[in-house]
Amino acid sequence: MYPLFVIETLGRFPGLTGLFISSILSATLSTFSSGVNSMATVILEDIYKRLSTQGEISNEHQLIFSKLLCKLNWMFCFFELSFVDLISGINWLFNSIYGIYCILYGK
């Protein structure tokens, strides 16, 4: 029902349906990105700094470690999604792309 509402309301104006979908996707990516960043910050501040044998950790070292943690979090999330995809037998990526296609073209 909701995709039909978007198509019926925004379909009269060229490009607004795509703008609506791109705004939803960008909000989702932003939320996911901030979650990954906060996980990296928590690991750095609460675990790494407490277990570190060095006295004070330099800003450059913290920056490199945070970037590494963010990349590892992204890799872990993609690995987890691919593992769930493999175990469940459902292709999540294909279903998401097909859902966007159906919203855009009303199929």
PDB file of N, CA and C in Angstrom:
ATOM      1  N   MET A   1       0.811  -1.184   0.000  1.00  0.00           N
ATOM      2  CA  MET A   1       0.000   0.000   0.000  1.00  0.00           C
ATOM      3  C   MET A   1       0.868   1.267   0.000  1.00  0.00           C
ATOM      4  N   TYR A   2       1.917   1.263   0.805  1.00  0.00           N
ATOM      5  CA  TYR A   2       2.751   2.449   0.907  1.00  0.00           C
ATOM      6  C   TYR A   2       3.436   2.794  -0.407  1.00  0.00           C
ATOM      7  N   PRO A   3       4.041   1.802  -1.140  1.00  0.00           N
ATOM      8  CA  PRO A   3       4.651   2.172  -2.422  1.00  0.00           C
ATOM      9  C   PRO A   3       3.635   2.739  -3.408  1.00  0.00           C
ATOM     10  N   LEU A   4       2.403   2.234  -3.389  1.00  0.00           N
ATOM     11  CA  LEU A   4       1.395   2.775  -4.290  1.00  0.00           C
ATOM     12  C   LEU A   4       1.057   4.215  -3.939  1.00  0.00           C
ATOM     13  N   PHE A   5       1.062   4.529  -2.654  1.00  0.00           N
ATOM     14  CA  PHE A   5       0.821   5.896  -2.224  1.00  0.00           C
ATOM     15  C   PHE A   5       1.897   6.831  -2.764  1.00  0.00           C
ATOM     16  N   VAL A   6       3.132   6.374  -2.708  1.00  0.00           N
ATOM     17  CA  VAL A   6       4.241   7.190  -3.221  1.00  0.00           C
ATOM     18  C   VAL A   6       4.100   7.386  -4.720  1.00  0.00           C
ATOM     19  N   ILE A   7       3.761   6.333  -5.427  1.00  0.00           N
ATOM     20  CA  ILE A   7       3.633   6.441  -6.878  1.00  0.00           C
ATOM     21  C   ILE A   7       2.450   7.326  -7.246  1.00  0.00           C
ATOM     22  N   GLU A   8       1.316   7.134  -6.546  1.00  0.00           N
ATOM     23  CA  GLU A   8       0.140   7.937  -6.880  1.00  0.00           C
ATOM     24  C   GLU A   8       0.349   9.412  -6.552  1.00  0.00           C
ATOM     25  N   THR A   9       1.006   9.680  -5.435  1.00  0.00           N
ATOM     26  CA  THR A   9       1.179  11.070  -5.024  1.00  0.00           C
ATOM     27  C   THR A   9       2.292  11.763  -5.795  1.00  0.00           C
ATOM     28  N   LEU A  10       3.447  11.124  -5.872  1.00  0.00           N
ATOM     29  CA  LEU A  10       4.606  11.766  -6.484  1.00  0.00           C
ATOM     30  C   LEU A  10       4.780  11.438  -7.959  1.00  0.00           C
ATOM     31  N   GLY A  11       4.022  10.454  -8.456  1.00  0.00           N
ATOM     32  CA  GLY A  11       4.179  10.036  -9.845  1.00  0.00           C
ATOM     33  C   GLY A  11       3.749  11.084 -10.848  1.00  0.00           C
ATOM     34  N   ARG A  12       2.954  12.026 -10.402  1.00  0.00           N
ATOM     35  CA  ARG A  12       2.499  13.083 -11.312  1.00  0.00           C
ATOM     36  C   ARG A  12       3.615  14.053 -11.657  1.00  0.00           C
ATOM     37  N   PHE A  13       4.599  14.126 -10.798  1.00  0.00           N
ATOM     38  CA  PHE A  13       5.713  15.055 -11.020  1.00  0.00           C
ATOM     39  C   PHE A  13       6.964  14.270 -11.399  1.00  0.00           C
ATOM     40  N   PRO A  14       7.537  14.536 -12.549  1.00  0.00           N
ATOM     41  CA  PRO A  14       8.703  13.773 -12.987  1.00  0.00           C
ATOM     42  C   PRO A  14       9.889  13.938 -12.028  1.00  0.00           C
ATOM     43  N   GLY A  15      10.453  12.827 -11.628  1.00  0.00           N
ATOM     44  CA  GLY A  15      11.657  12.842 -10.805  1.00  0.00           C
ATOM     45  C   GLY A  15      11.425  12.814  -9.313  1.00  0.00           C
ATOM     46  N   LEU A  16      10.223  13.102  -8.837  1.00  0.00           N
ATOM     47  CA  LEU A  16      10.002  13.151  -7.393  1.00  0.00           C
ATOM     48  C   LEU A  16      10.002  11.766  -6.748  1.00  0.00           C
ATOM     49  N   THR A  17       9.561  10.753  -7.481  1.00  0.00           N
ATOM     50  CA  THR A  17       9.611   9.401  -6.929  1.00  0.00           C
ATOM     51  C   THR A  17      11.055   8.981  -6.701  1.00  0.00           C
ATOM     52  N   GLY A  18      11.909   9.247  -7.669  1.00  0.00           N
ATOM     53  CA  GLY A  18      13.331   8.931  -7.516  1.00  0.00           C
ATOM     54  C   GLY A  18      13.980   9.740  -6.418  1.00  0.00           C
ATOM     55  N   LEU A  19      13.587  10.983  -6.287  1.00  0.00           N
ATOM     56  CA  LEU A  19      14.111  11.823  -5.210  1.00  0.00           C
ATOM     57  C   LEU A  19      13.693  11.285  -3.852  1.00  0.00           C
ATOM     58  N   PHE A  20      12.456  10.822  -3.743  1.00  0.00           N
ATOM     59  CA  PHE A  20      11.964  10.239  -2.500  1.00  0.00           C
ATOM     60  C   PHE A  20      12.750   8.980  -2.142  1.00  0.00           C
ATOM     61  N   ILE A  21      12.959   8.099  -3.108  1.00  0.00           N
ATOM     62  CA  ILE A  21      13.688   6.855  -2.842  1.00  0.00           C
ATOM     63  C   ILE A  21      15.142   7.142  -2.516  1.00  0.00           C
ATOM     64  N   SER A  22      15.751   8.093  -3.232  1.00  0.00           N
ATOM     65  CA  SER A  22      17.154   8.414  -2.930  1.00  0.00           C
ATOM     66  C   SER A  22      17.292   9.031  -1.550  1.00  0.00           C
ATOM     67  N   SER A  23      16.290   9.790  -1.104  1.00  0.00           N
ATOM     68  CA  SER A  23      16.368  10.357   0.252  1.00  0.00           C
ATOM     69  C   SER A  23      16.239   9.274   1.306  1.00  0.00           C
ATOM     70  N   ILE A  24      15.402   8.270   1.066  1.00  0.00           N
ATOM     71  CA  ILE A  24      15.296   7.152   2.010  1.00  0.00           C
ATOM     72  C   ILE A  24      16.598   6.367   2.059  1.00  0.00           C
ATOM     73  N   LEU A  25      17.182   6.110   0.894  1.00  0.00           N
ATOM     74  CA  LEU A  25      18.448   5.365   0.868  1.00  0.00           C
ATOM     75  C   LEU A  25      19.579   6.147   1.523  1.00  0.00           C
ATOM     76  N   SER A  26      19.632   7.461   1.309  1.00  0.00           N
ATOM     77  CA  SER A  26      20.698   8.255   1.927  1.00  0.00           C
ATOM     78  C   SER A  26      20.511   8.335   3.443  1.00  0.00           C
ATOM     79  N   ALA A  27      19.270   8.404   3.912  1.00  0.00           N
ATOM     80  CA  ALA A  27      19.029   8.409   5.357  1.00  0.00           C
ATOM     81  C   ALA A  27      19.429   7.069   5.973  1.00  0.00           C
ATOM     82  N   THR A  28      19.164   5.995   5.268  1.00  0.00           N
ATOM     83  CA  THR A  28      19.558   4.674   5.760  1.00  0.00           C
ATOM     84  C   THR A  28      21.075   4.550   5.826  1.00  0.00           C
ATOM     85  N   LEU A  29      21.756   4.991   4.791  1.00  0.00           N
ATOM     86  CA  LEU A  29      23.214   4.932   4.774  1.00  0.00           C
ATOM     87  C   LEU A  29      23.816   5.818   5.855  1.00  0.00           C
ATOM     88  N   SER A  30      23.240   6.974   6.076  1.00  0.00           N
ATOM     89  CA  SER A  30      23.728   7.876   7.119  1.00  0.00           C
ATOM     90  C   SER A  30      23.573   7.260   8.502  1.00  0.00           C
ATOM     91  N   THR A  31      22.433   6.624   8.741  1.00  0.00           N
ATOM     92  CA  THR A  31      22.209   5.969  10.032  1.00  0.00           C
ATOM     93  C   THR A  31      23.179   4.823  10.232  1.00  0.00           C
ATOM     94  N   PHE A  32      23.381   4.025   9.191  1.00  0.00           N
ATOM     95  CA  PHE A  32      24.314   2.901   9.281  1.00  0.00           C
ATOM     96  C   PHE A  32      25.735   3.394   9.509  1.00  0.00           C
ATOM     97  N   SER A  33      26.115   4.463   8.814  1.00  0.00           N
ATOM     98  CA  SER A  33      27.454   5.027   8.952  1.00  0.00           C
ATOM     99  C   SER A  33      27.696   5.567  10.358  1.00  0.00           C
ATOM    100  N   SER A  34      26.715   6.253  10.916  1.00  0.00           N
ATOM    101  CA  SER A  34      26.894   6.772  12.277  1.00  0.00           C
ATOM    102  C   SER A  34      26.955   5.642  13.293  1.00  0.00           C
ATOM    103  N   GLY A  35      26.246   4.552  13.047  1.00  0.00           N
ATOM    104  CA  GLY A  35      26.343   3.387  13.933  1.00  0.00           C
ATOM    105  C   GLY A  35      27.729   2.762  13.899  1.00  0.00           C
ATOM    106  N   VAL A  36      28.285   2.637  12.699  1.00  0.00           N
ATOM    107  CA  VAL A  36      29.644   2.086  12.565  1.00  0.00           C
ATOM    108  C   VAL A  36      30.655   3.003  13.238  1.00  0.00           C
ATOM    109  N   ASN A  37      30.512   4.303  13.056  1.00  0.00           N
ATOM    110  CA  ASN A  37      31.426   5.266  13.669  1.00  0.00           C
ATOM    111  C   ASN A  37      31.328   5.211  15.191  1.00  0.00           C
ATOM    112  N   SER A  38      30.116   5.095  15.724  1.00  0.00           N
ATOM    113  CA  SER A  38      29.978   5.043  17.185  1.00  0.00           C
ATOM    114  C   SER A  38      30.532   3.740  17.745  1.00  0.00           C
ATOM    115  N   MET A  39      30.384   2.626  17.010  1.00  0.00           N
ATOM    116  CA  MET A  39      30.986   1.369  17.477  1.00  0.00           C
ATOM    117  C   MET A  39      32.503   1.483  17.520  1.00  0.00           C
ATOM    118  N   ALA A  40      33.092   2.102  16.511  1.00  0.00           N
ATOM    119  CA  ALA A  40      34.544   2.277  16.490  1.00  0.00           C
ATOM    120  C   ALA A  40      35.001   3.175  17.631  1.00  0.00           C
ATOM    121  N   THR A  41      34.248   4.225  17.922  1.00  0.00           N
ATOM    122  CA  THR A  41      34.608   5.132  19.018  1.00  0.00           C
ATOM    123  C   THR A  41      34.515   4.440  20.368  1.00  0.00           C
ATOM    124  N   VAL A  42      33.482   3.654  20.564  1.00  0.00           N
ATOM    125  CA  VAL A  42      33.341   2.924  21.830  1.00  0.00           C
ATOM    126  C   VAL A  42      34.474   1.927  22.011  1.00  0.00           C
ATOM    127  N   ILE A  43      34.832   1.216  20.950  1.00  0.00           N
ATOM    128  CA  ILE A  43      35.934   0.255  21.050  1.00  0.00           C
ATOM    129  C   ILE A  43      37.237   0.972  21.348  1.00  0.00           C
ATOM    130  N   LEU A  44      37.471   2.108  20.678  1.00  0.00           N
ATOM    131  CA  LEU A  44      38.709   2.855  20.903  1.00  0.00           C
ATOM    132  C   LEU A  44      38.783   3.403  22.323  1.00  0.00           C
ATOM    133  N   GLU A  45      37.721   4.064  22.765  1.00  0.00           N
ATOM    134  CA  GLU A  45      37.750   4.739  24.068  1.00  0.00           C
ATOM    135  C   GLU A  45      37.661   3.763  25.241  1.00  0.00           C
ATOM    136  N   ASP A  46      36.761   2.809  25.158  1.00  0.00           N
ATOM    137  CA  ASP A  46      36.495   1.961  26.322  1.00  0.00           C
ATOM    138  C   ASP A  46      37.358   0.715  26.401  1.00  0.00           C
ATOM    139  N   ILE A  47      37.812   0.218  25.268  1.00  0.00           N
ATOM    140  CA  ILE A  47      38.580  -1.030  25.306  1.00  0.00           C
ATOM    141  C   ILE A  47      40.049  -0.794  25.011  1.00  0.00           C
ATOM    142  N   TYR A  48      40.335  -0.175  23.852  1.00  0.00           N
ATOM    143  CA  TYR A  48      41.726  -0.047  23.421  1.00  0.00           C
ATOM    144  C   TYR A  48      42.547   0.833  24.351  1.00  0.00           C
ATOM    145  N   LYS A  49      41.988   1.972  24.751  1.00  0.00           N
ATOM    146  CA  LYS A  49      42.745   2.876  25.622  1.00  0.00           C
ATOM    147  C   LYS A  49      42.978   2.276  27.007  1.00  0.00           C
ATOM    148  N   ARG A  50      42.062   1.488  27.491  1.00  0.00           N
ATOM    149  CA  ARG A  50      42.244   0.861  28.806  1.00  0.00           C
ATOM    150  C   ARG A  50      43.257  -0.270  28.770  1.00  0.00           C
ATOM    151  N   LEU A  51      43.303  -1.000  27.646  1.00  0.00           N
ATOM    152  CA  LEU A  51      44.228  -2.120  27.546  1.00  0.00           C
ATOM    153  C   LEU A  51      45.594  -1.730  26.998  1.00  0.00           C
ATOM    154  N   SER A  52      45.723  -0.509  26.537  1.00  0.00           N
ATOM    155  CA  SER A  52      46.971  -0.059  25.950  1.00  0.00           C
ATOM    156  C   SER A  52      48.046   0.079  27.021  1.00  0.00           C
ATOM    157  N   THR A  53      49.235  -0.406  26.694  1.00  0.00           N
ATOM    158  CA  THR A  53      50.362  -0.301  27.630  1.00  0.00           C
ATOM    159  C   THR A  53      51.078   1.038  27.491  1.00  0.00           C
ATOM    160  N   GLN A  54      50.819   1.750  26.387  1.00  0.00           N
ATOM    161  CA  GLN A  54      51.398   3.069  26.213  1.00  0.00           C
ATOM    162  C   GLN A  54      50.698   4.029  27.165  1.00  0.00           C
ATOM    163  N   GLY A  55      51.375   5.084  27.523  1.00  0.00           N
ATOM    164  CA  GLY A  55      50.761   6.069  28.401  1.00  0.00           C
ATOM    165  C   GLY A  55      49.689   6.858  27.683  1.00  0.00           C
ATOM    166  N   GLU A  56      50.097   7.805  26.891  1.00  0.00           N
ATOM    167  CA  GLU A  56      49.177   8.655  26.124  1.00  0.00           C
ATOM    168  C   GLU A  56      49.252   8.249  24.660  1.00  0.00           C
ATOM    169  N   ILE A  57      48.109   8.102  24.016  1.00  0.00           N
ATOM    170  CA  ILE A  57      48.065   7.714  22.612  1.00  0.00           C
ATOM    171  C   ILE A  57      47.926   8.985  21.779  1.00  0.00           C
ATOM    172  N   SER A  58      48.765   9.108  20.754  1.00  0.00           N
ATOM    173  CA  SER A  58      48.750  10.325  19.933  1.00  0.00           C
ATOM    174  C   SER A  58      47.472  10.410  19.100  1.00  0.00           C
ATOM    175  N   ASN A  59      47.173  11.613  18.661  1.00  0.00           N
ATOM    176  CA  ASN A  59      45.979  11.816  17.839  1.00  0.00           C
ATOM    177  C   ASN A  59      46.068  11.089  16.509  1.00  0.00           C
ATOM    178  N   GLU A  60      47.260  11.051  15.918  1.00  0.00           N
ATOM    179  CA  GLU A  60      47.439  10.350  14.651  1.00  0.00           C
ATOM    180  C   GLU A  60      47.187   8.853  14.823  1.00  0.00           C
ATOM    181  N   HIS A  61      47.675   8.296  15.935  1.00  0.00           N
ATOM    182  CA  HIS A  61      47.479   6.881  16.211  1.00  0.00           C
ATOM    183  C   HIS A  61      45.986   6.580  16.426  1.00  0.00           C
ATOM    184  N   GLN A  62      45.291   7.463  17.128  1.00  0.00           N
ATOM    185  CA  GLN A  62      43.851   7.286  17.352  1.00  0.00           C
ATOM    186  C   GLN A  62      43.086   7.368  16.035  1.00  0.00           C
ATOM    187  N   LEU A  63      43.490   8.294  15.160  1.00  0.00           N
ATOM    188  CA  LEU A  63      42.826   8.449  13.874  1.00  0.00           C
ATOM    189  C   LEU A  63      43.002   7.203  13.015  1.00  0.00           C
ATOM    190  N   ILE A  64      44.202   6.694  12.941  1.00  0.00           N
ATOM    191  CA  ILE A  64      44.468   5.492  12.142  1.00  0.00           C
ATOM    192  C   ILE A  64      43.711   4.298  12.713  1.00  0.00           C
ATOM    193  N   PHE A  65      43.718   4.151  14.030  1.00  0.00           N
ATOM    194  CA  PHE A  65      43.025   3.038  14.661  1.00  0.00           C
ATOM    195  C   PHE A  65      41.510   3.152  14.454  1.00  0.00           C
ATOM    196  N   SER A  66      40.957   4.354  14.520  1.00  0.00           N
ATOM    197  CA  SER A  66      39.523   4.547  14.298  1.00  0.00           C
ATOM    198  C   SER A  66      39.134   4.209  12.865  1.00  0.00           C
ATOM    199  N   LYS A  67      39.942   4.633  11.910  1.00  0.00           N
ATOM    200  CA  LYS A  67      39.661   4.313  10.512  1.00  0.00           C
ATOM    201  C   LYS A  67      39.733   2.813  10.266  1.00  0.00           C
ATOM    202  N   LEU A  68      40.712   2.165  10.879  1.00  0.00           N
ATOM    203  CA  LEU A  68      40.830   0.709  10.754  1.00  0.00           C
ATOM    204  C   LEU A  68      39.611   0.014  11.360  1.00  0.00           C
ATOM    205  N   LEU A  69      39.166   0.478  12.511  1.00  0.00           N
ATOM    206  CA  LEU A  69      37.992  -0.120  13.142  1.00  0.00           C
ATOM    207  C   LEU A  69      36.740   0.085  12.299  1.00  0.00           C
ATOM    208  N   CYS A  70      36.596   1.258  11.706  1.00  0.00           N
ATOM    209  CA  CYS A  70      35.434   1.512  10.844  1.00  0.00           C
ATOM    210  C   CYS A  70      35.438   0.569   9.650  1.00  0.00           C
ATOM    211  N   LYS A  71      36.588   0.389   9.035  1.00  0.00           N
ATOM    212  CA  LYS A  71      36.670  -0.518   7.888  1.00  0.00           C
ATOM    213  C   LYS A  71      36.392  -1.951   8.307  1.00  0.00           C
ATOM    214  N   LEU A  72      36.893  -2.352   9.470  1.00  0.00           N
ATOM    215  CA  LEU A  72      36.616  -3.703   9.958  1.00  0.00           C
ATOM    216  C   LEU A  72      35.136  -3.882  10.287  1.00  0.00           C
ATOM    217  N   ASN A  73      34.506  -2.851  10.837  1.00  0.00           N
ATOM    218  CA  ASN A  73      33.067  -2.939  11.116  1.00  0.00           C
ATOM    219  C   ASN A  73      32.268  -3.079   9.834  1.00  0.00           C
ATOM    220  N   TRP A  74      32.616  -2.298   8.801  1.00  0.00           N
ATOM    221  CA  TRP A  74      31.928  -2.419   7.518  1.00  0.00           C
ATOM    222  C   TRP A  74      32.124  -3.816   6.944  1.00  0.00           C
ATOM    223  N   MET A  75      33.357  -4.324   6.994  1.00  0.00           N
ATOM    224  CA  MET A  75      33.622  -5.658   6.464  1.00  0.00           C
ATOM    225  C   MET A  75      32.840  -6.716   7.238  1.00  0.00           C
ATOM    226  N   PHE A  76      32.781  -6.575   8.556  1.00  0.00           N
ATOM    227  CA  PHE A  76      32.043  -7.529   9.361  1.00  0.00           C
ATOM    228  C   PHE A  76      30.553  -7.494   9.029  1.00  0.00           C
ATOM    229  N   CYS A  77      29.999  -6.305   8.852  1.00  0.00           N
ATOM    230  CA  CYS A  77      28.576  -6.186   8.531  1.00  0.00           C
ATOM    231  C   CYS A  77      28.273  -6.810   7.173  1.00  0.00           C
ATOM    232  N   PHE A  78      29.126  -6.560   6.174  1.00  0.00           N
ATOM    233  CA  PHE A  78      28.897  -7.158   4.865  1.00  0.00           C
ATOM    234  C   PHE A  78      29.088  -8.666   4.910  1.00  0.00           C
ATOM    235  N   PHE A  79      30.055  -9.136   5.686  1.00  0.00           N
ATOM    236  CA  PHE A  79      30.241 -10.575   5.834  1.00  0.00           C
ATOM    237  C   PHE A  79      29.023 -11.197   6.499  1.00  0.00           C
ATOM    238  N   GLU A  80      28.511 -10.530   7.523  1.00  0.00           N
ATOM    239  CA  GLU A  80      27.343 -11.039   8.225  1.00  0.00           C
ATOM    240  C   GLU A  80      26.123 -11.088   7.299  1.00  0.00           C
ATOM    241  N   LEU A  81      25.922 -10.035   6.506  1.00  0.00           N
ATOM    242  CA  LEU A  81      24.800 -10.031   5.561  1.00  0.00           C
ATOM    243  C   LEU A  81      24.948 -11.128   4.512  1.00  0.00           C
ATOM    244  N   SER A  82      26.160 -11.330   4.016  1.00  0.00           N
ATOM    245  CA  SER A  82      26.356 -12.385   3.022  1.00  0.00           C
ATOM    246  C   SER A  82      26.189 -13.762   3.646  1.00  0.00           C
ATOM    247  N   PHE A  83      26.576 -13.917   4.909  1.00  0.00           N
ATOM    248  CA  PHE A  83      26.397 -15.196   5.591  1.00  0.00           C
ATOM    249  C   PHE A  83      24.914 -15.483   5.810  1.00  0.00           C
ATOM    250  N   VAL A  84      24.160 -14.477   6.232  1.00  0.00           N
ATOM    251  CA  VAL A  84      22.708 -14.637   6.403  1.00  0.00           C
ATOM    252  C   VAL A  84      22.070 -14.951   5.057  1.00  0.00           C
ATOM    253  N   ASP A  85      22.537 -14.297   4.011  1.00  0.00           N
ATOM    254  CA  ASP A  85      22.037 -14.546   2.670  1.00  0.00           C
ATOM    255  C   ASP A  85      22.305 -15.987   2.256  1.00  0.00           C
ATOM    256  N   LEU A  86      23.480 -16.489   2.568  1.00  0.00           N
ATOM    257  CA  LEU A  86      23.857 -17.848   2.209  1.00  0.00           C
ATOM    258  C   LEU A  86      23.040 -18.867   2.995  1.00  0.00           C
ATOM    259  N   ILE A  87      22.882 -18.648   4.295  1.00  0.00           N
ATOM    260  CA  ILE A  87      22.170 -19.593   5.149  1.00  0.00           C
ATOM    261  C   ILE A  87      20.667 -19.592   4.846  1.00  0.00           C
ATOM    262  N   SER A  88      20.085 -18.413   4.682  1.00  0.00           N
ATOM    263  CA  SER A  88      18.634 -18.330   4.520  1.00  0.00           C
ATOM    264  C   SER A  88      18.175 -18.706   3.116  1.00  0.00           C
ATOM    265  N   GLY A  89      19.049 -18.580   2.140  1.00  0.00           N
ATOM    266  CA  GLY A  89      18.662 -18.867   0.767  1.00  0.00           C
ATOM    267  C   GLY A  89      17.887 -17.734   0.114  1.00  0.00           C
ATOM    268  N   ILE A  90      17.764 -16.609   0.809  1.00  0.00           N
ATOM    269  CA  ILE A  90      17.054 -15.462   0.262  1.00  0.00           C
ATOM    270  C   ILE A  90      18.088 -14.432  -0.156  1.00  0.00           C
ATOM    271  N   ASN A  91      17.973 -13.950  -1.350  1.00  0.00           N
ATOM    272  CA  ASN A  91      18.915 -12.955  -1.836  1.00  0.00           C
ATOM    273  C   ASN A  91      18.423 -11.566  -1.443  1.00  0.00           C
ATOM    274  N   TRP A  92      18.962 -11.047  -0.328  1.00  0.00           N
ATOM    275  CA  TRP A  92      18.498  -9.765   0.218  1.00  0.00           C
ATOM    276  C   TRP A  92      18.781  -8.612  -0.717  1.00  0.00           C
ATOM    277  N   LEU A  93      19.954  -8.608  -1.324  1.00  0.00           N
ATOM    278  CA  LEU A  93      20.303  -7.505  -2.214  1.00  0.00           C
ATOM    279  C   LEU A  93      19.389  -7.473  -3.426  1.00  0.00           C
ATOM    280  N   PHE A  94      19.162  -8.636  -4.019  1.00  0.00           N
ATOM    281  CA  PHE A  94      18.278  -8.696  -5.181  1.00  0.00           C
ATOM    282  C   PHE A  94      16.872  -8.256  -4.811  1.00  0.00           C
ATOM    283  N   ASN A  95      16.364  -8.700  -3.664  1.00  0.00           N
ATOM    284  CA  ASN A  95      15.019  -8.310  -3.237  1.00  0.00           C
ATOM    285  C   ASN A  95      14.918  -6.805  -3.008  1.00  0.00           C
ATOM    286  N   SER A  96      15.970  -6.196  -2.463  1.00  0.00           N
ATOM    287  CA  SER A  96      15.954  -4.752  -2.235  1.00  0.00           C
ATOM    288  C   SER A  96      15.931  -3.995  -3.554  1.00  0.00           C
ATOM    289  N   ILE A  97      16.772  -4.405  -4.490  1.00  0.00           N
ATOM    290  CA  ILE A  97      16.819  -3.734  -5.792  1.00  0.00           C
ATOM    291  C   ILE A  97      15.509  -3.947  -6.543  1.00  0.00           C
ATOM    292  N   TYR A  98      14.964  -5.145  -6.457  1.00  0.00           N
ATOM    293  CA  TYR A  98      13.690  -5.420  -7.124  1.00  0.00           C
ATOM    294  C   TYR A  98      12.557  -4.608  -6.492  1.00  0.00           C
ATOM    295  N   GLY A  99      12.592  -4.433  -5.165  1.00  0.00           N
ATOM    296  CA  GLY A  99      11.583  -3.619  -4.489  1.00  0.00           C
ATOM    297  C   GLY A  99      11.639  -2.170  -4.939  1.00  0.00           C
ATOM    298  N   ILE A 100      12.842  -1.634  -5.082  1.00  0.00           N
ATOM    299  CA  ILE A 100      12.988  -0.258  -5.579  1.00  0.00           C
ATOM    300  C   ILE A 100      12.487  -0.154  -7.015  1.00  0.00           C
ATOM    301  N   TYR A 101      12.783  -1.160  -7.819  1.00  0.00           N
ATOM    302  CA  TYR A 101      12.303  -1.181  -9.205  1.00  0.00           C
ATOM    303  C   TYR A 101      10.778  -1.187  -9.241  1.00  0.00           C
ATOM    304  N   CYS A 102      10.159  -1.980  -8.370  1.00  0.00           N
ATOM    305  CA  CYS A 102       8.692  -2.039  -8.337  1.00  0.00           C
ATOM    306  C   CYS A 102       8.088  -0.722  -7.887  1.00  0.00           C
ATOM    307  N   ILE A 103       8.745  -0.048  -6.944  1.00  0.00           N
ATOM    308  CA  ILE A 103       8.236   1.245  -6.496  1.00  0.00           C
ATOM    309  C   ILE A 103       8.344   2.270  -7.626  1.00  0.00           C
ATOM    310  N   LEU A 104       9.457   2.256  -8.338  1.00  0.00           N
ATOM    311  CA  LEU A 104       9.644   3.240  -9.394  1.00  0.00           C
ATOM    312  C   LEU A 104       8.713   3.026 -10.581  1.00  0.00           C
ATOM    313  N   TYR A 105       8.550   1.766 -10.964  1.00  0.00           N
ATOM    314  CA  TYR A 105       7.810   1.487 -12.192  1.00  0.00           C
ATOM    315  C   TYR A 105       6.434   0.890 -11.943  1.00  0.00           C
ATOM    316  N   GLY A 106       6.021   0.747 -10.691  1.00  0.00           N
ATOM    317  CA  GLY A 106       4.684   0.303 -10.368  1.00  0.00           C
ATOM    318  C   GLY A 106       4.349  -1.100 -10.821  1.00  0.00           C
ATOM    319  N   LYS A 107       5.311  -1.996 -10.759  1.00  0.00           N
ATOM    320  CA  LYS A 107       5.089  -3.378 -11.209  1.00  0.00           C
ATOM    321  C   LYS A 107       4.832  -4.282 -10.040  1.00  0.00           C
TER     322      LYS A 107
END
